[in-house]
Amino acid sequence: MMAALVACLLVAAVVVGFGAVGASLREQGAAAVRDTVLDAAMQCCAIEGAYPSSLDYLEREYGLRVNHDDYVITYEAFAGNVMPSVVVVPR
């Protein structure tokens, strides 16, 4: 009886651990996507002299590829001379 209880607790601990690792990986992926979008925006600014007005422009003109199925990306450009605000949230 005690062995079954220990086994159940061990399985529960492993499941919780995998959930925490998965959440951490999703957050790291979101941070990497944000960094990639900002890098592409800075490259655009260096080449064209202004930050792009939309994420679509970066995807179309600079070959940026983003997995929209896994991440929700908010790209807000205020002006061409101000770095855009980029927020990436895992789905």
Protein backbone atom coordinates (compact mmCIF):
# COMPACT_ATOMS: atom_id res chain seq x y z
CA MET A 1 0.00 0.00 0.00
CA MET A 2 2.83 2.39 0.90
CA ALA A 3 4.66 1.63 -2.37
CA ALA A 4 1.54 2.51 -4.39
CA LEU A 5 1.21 5.82 -2.55
CA VAL A 6 4.87 6.66 -3.16
CA ALA A 7 4.50 5.74 -6.84
CA CYS A 8 1.44 8.00 -7.19
CA LEU A 9 3.27 10.89 -5.53
CA LEU A 10 6.27 10.36 -7.79
CA VAL A 11 4.08 10.38 -10.91
CA ALA A 12 2.33 13.56 -9.72
CA ALA A 13 5.69 15.25 -9.09
CA VAL A 14 6.91 14.33 -12.59
CA VAL A 15 3.72 15.68 -14.21
CA VAL A 16 4.01 18.97 -12.32
CA GLY A 17 7.69 19.19 -13.22
CA PHE A 18 7.02 18.70 -16.92
CA GLY A 19 4.31 21.37 -16.78
CA ALA A 20 6.71 23.85 -15.22
CA VAL A 21 9.42 23.06 -17.77
CA GLY A 22 6.93 23.45 -20.63
CA ALA A 23 5.80 26.84 -19.35
CA SER A 24 9.40 27.97 -19.01
CA LEU A 25 10.17 26.90 -22.58
CA ARG A 26 7.13 28.77 -23.92
CA GLU A 27 8.25 31.94 -22.11
CA GLN A 28 11.80 31.59 -23.44
CA GLY A 29 10.41 31.09 -26.95
CA ALA A 30 8.30 34.24 -26.63
CA ALA A 31 11.36 36.22 -25.52
CA ALA A 32 13.34 34.89 -28.48
CA VAL A 33 10.56 35.85 -30.91
CA ARG A 34 10.42 39.37 -29.41
CA ASP A 35 14.19 39.75 -29.77
CA THR A 36 14.03 38.55 -33.38
CA VAL A 37 11.26 41.02 -34.26
CA LEU A 38 13.16 43.89 -32.66
CA ASP A 39 16.37 42.87 -34.44
CA ALA A 40 14.55 42.91 -37.77
CA ALA A 41 13.05 46.33 -36.96
CA MET A 42 16.51 47.70 -36.10
CA GLN A 43 17.92 46.27 -39.33
CA CYS A 44 15.12 47.96 -41.26
CA CYS A 45 15.85 51.25 -39.48
CA ALA A 46 19.56 50.98 -40.27
CA ILE A 47 18.88 50.34 -43.96
CA GLU A 48 15.88 52.60 -44.59
CA GLY A 49 16.37 55.27 -41.93
CA ALA A 50 13.09 54.60 -40.13
CA TYR A 51 11.47 51.85 -38.12
CA PRO A 52 8.81 49.89 -40.02
CA SER A 53 5.19 50.76 -39.39
CA SER A 54 3.98 47.16 -39.16
CA LEU A 55 4.98 43.59 -38.52
CA ASP A 56 3.59 42.68 -41.94
CA TYR A 57 6.19 44.95 -43.55
CA LEU A 58 9.00 43.09 -41.78
CA GLU A 59 7.56 39.75 -42.86
CA ARG A 60 7.11 40.86 -46.46
CA GLU A 61 10.26 42.92 -47.06
CA TYR A 62 12.81 41.42 -44.66
CA GLY A 63 11.82 37.76 -44.67
CA LEU A 64 10.83 37.65 -41.00
CA ARG A 65 9.04 34.39 -40.24
CA VAL A 66 6.89 34.16 -37.12
CA ASN A 67 4.76 31.24 -35.99
CA HIS A 68 1.44 33.02 -35.51
CA ASP A 69 -0.16 29.74 -34.41
CA ASP A 70 2.04 29.60 -31.28
CA TYR A 71 2.45 33.31 -30.46
CA VAL A 72 0.30 36.42 -30.31
CA ILE A 73 2.41 39.42 -31.32
CA THR A 74 1.48 43.03 -30.70
CA TYR A 75 3.60 45.44 -32.76
CA GLU A 76 2.96 49.11 -32.10
CA ALA A 77 4.91 51.75 -34.01
CA PHE A 78 4.53 55.33 -32.78
CA ALA A 79 6.79 57.09 -35.27
CA GLY A 80 9.52 56.19 -37.71
CA ASN A 81 12.23 57.49 -35.39
CA VAL A 82 10.98 55.71 -32.24
CA MET A 83 11.62 52.01 -31.63
CA PRO A 84 8.35 50.08 -31.81
CA SER A 85 6.80 48.37 -28.83
CA VAL A 86 6.71 44.60 -29.28
CA VAL A 87 4.85 42.23 -26.95
CA VAL A 88 4.88 38.49 -27.60
CA VAL A 89 2.62 36.13 -25.66
CA PRO A 90 2.56 32.36 -26.11
CA ARG A 91 -0.85 30.90 -26.94
